[in-house]
Protein backbone atom coordinates (compact mmCIF):
# COMPACT_ATOMS: atom_id res chain seq x y z
CA MET A 1 74.66 61.84 145.59
CA ASN A 2 78.14 60.59 146.41
CA PRO A 3 79.72 62.36 149.46
CA GLN A 4 83.01 62.72 147.58
CA ILE A 5 81.29 64.56 144.71
CA ILE A 6 79.54 66.84 147.21
CA GLU A 7 82.79 67.64 149.01
CA GLU A 8 84.59 68.42 145.75
CA GLY A 9 81.86 70.82 144.61
CA ARG A 10 81.01 72.35 147.98
CA GLN A 11 83.38 75.32 147.65
CA ASN A 12 81.97 76.34 144.26
CA ALA A 13 78.44 75.86 145.57
CA ILE A 14 79.06 78.27 148.45
CA ILE A 15 80.88 80.81 146.27
CA SER A 16 78.00 80.85 143.79
CA TYR A 17 75.65 82.44 146.34
CA ILE A 18 77.98 85.37 147.07
CA THR A 19 76.67 88.05 144.68
CA LEU A 20 76.56 87.82 140.91
CA ILE A 21 80.35 88.02 140.73
CA GLY A 22 80.61 84.91 142.91
CA THR A 23 78.22 83.11 140.59
CA VAL A 24 80.36 84.00 137.57
CA ILE A 25 83.51 82.84 139.38
CA ALA A 26 81.82 79.55 140.31
CA ILE A 27 80.68 79.02 136.71
CA ILE A 28 84.19 79.58 135.39
CA SER A 29 85.83 77.33 137.98
CA ASN A 30 83.27 74.58 137.39
CA THR A 31 83.75 74.42 133.60
CA GLU A 32 86.63 71.93 133.75
CA LYS A 33 85.27 69.23 136.07
CA LYS A 34 81.50 69.84 135.77
CA ASN A 35 80.76 68.76 139.32
CA PRO A 36 77.00 67.96 139.48
CA TYR A 37 76.61 69.27 143.04
CA ALA A 38 78.28 72.59 142.22
CA SER A 39 76.31 72.84 138.97
CA PHE A 40 73.06 72.39 140.89
CA HIS A 41 73.83 75.25 143.25
CA ILE A 42 75.24 77.44 140.48
CA ARG A 43 71.96 77.11 138.58
CA GLN A 44 70.04 77.99 141.74
CA ALA A 45 72.19 81.04 142.50
CA LEU A 46 72.23 82.28 138.90
CA GLY A 47 68.46 82.02 138.67
CA LEU A 48 68.03 83.75 142.00
CA ASN A 49 70.32 86.62 140.98
CA MET A 50 68.67 87.09 137.60
CA LEU A 51 65.17 86.97 139.10
CA PHE A 52 66.22 89.49 141.75
CA PHE A 53 67.38 92.01 139.17
CA ALA A 54 64.37 91.44 136.91
CA ILE A 55 61.87 92.01 139.70
CA ALA A 56 63.94 94.87 141.18
CA VAL A 57 63.33 96.87 138.01
CA VAL A 58 59.58 96.59 138.55
CA VAL A 59 59.75 97.20 142.31
CA SER A 60 61.88 100.31 141.81
CA TYR A 61 58.94 102.05 140.13
CA PHE A 62 56.91 101.80 143.32
CA ASP A 63 57.69 104.47 145.87
CA ASN A 64 56.51 102.40 148.80
CA TRP A 65 58.69 101.09 151.61
CA MET A 66 56.32 98.18 152.31
CA ILE A 67 56.69 96.80 148.79
CA SER A 68 60.44 97.28 148.83
CA SER A 69 60.78 95.68 152.25
CA ALA A 70 58.69 92.67 151.28
CA PHE A 71 60.77 92.27 148.12
CA TYR A 72 64.08 92.31 150.00
CA VAL A 73 62.83 90.01 152.76
CA PHE A 74 61.52 87.51 150.20
CA PHE A 75 64.85 87.34 148.37
CA ALA A 76 66.86 87.31 151.60
CA VAL A 77 64.94 84.22 152.74
CA LEU A 78 65.47 82.46 149.40
CA TRP A 79 69.16 83.39 149.35
CA PHE A 80 69.62 82.21 152.95
CA PHE A 81 67.87 78.93 152.16
CA GLY A 82 70.16 78.26 149.20
CA LEU A 83 73.32 79.25 151.06
CA THR A 84 72.51 77.07 154.08
CA ASN A 85 71.82 74.14 151.77
CA ALA A 86 75.24 74.64 150.18
CA PHE A 87 76.92 74.82 153.61
CA GLN A 88 75.08 71.74 154.88
CA CYS A 89 75.82 69.72 151.72
CA GLU A 90 72.14 69.36 150.87
CA HIS A 91 70.72 68.98 147.39
CA GLU A 92 67.31 70.69 147.71
CA PRO A 93 65.97 73.28 145.28
CA ILE A 94 65.03 76.74 146.47
CA PRO A 95 61.30 76.88 147.31
CA ILE A 96 58.88 78.16 144.67
CA VAL A 97 61.41 78.81 141.88
CA GLY A 98 64.20 76.24 142.31
CA ASP A 99 62.83 73.58 139.98
CA PHE A 100 62.24 76.20 137.30
CA PHE A 101 65.87 77.34 137.56
CA GLN A 102 67.08 73.75 137.16
CA LYS A 103 65.13 73.39 133.92
CA LEU A 104 66.00 76.85 132.60
CA PHE A 105 69.77 76.56 133.16
CA LYS A 106 70.21 72.83 132.56
CA SER A 107 73.12 73.46 130.16
CA LEU A 108 75.36 74.86 132.93
């Protein structure tokens, strides 16, 4: 990918990983230019946020700190991986679920 395209979309890519509100802000600010680098990271962050909330509903029914801890550690690692890729201007999908998010949200 062109370094100029990456630099133009880097800010939106980083913002997209900062909570669900940051993802919505990044989606709105990326609608005009449709930067491919920002779109890639927006799809990753949106998928990660939606998967977090979907699995959190199931995990909340368990009254076990080990399950809850494993859940939060798993998503913290995935979130950290995506955020560091955005900071380092890399174009790698999040492990395990990243390619699925790219296919699922390809219209963004």
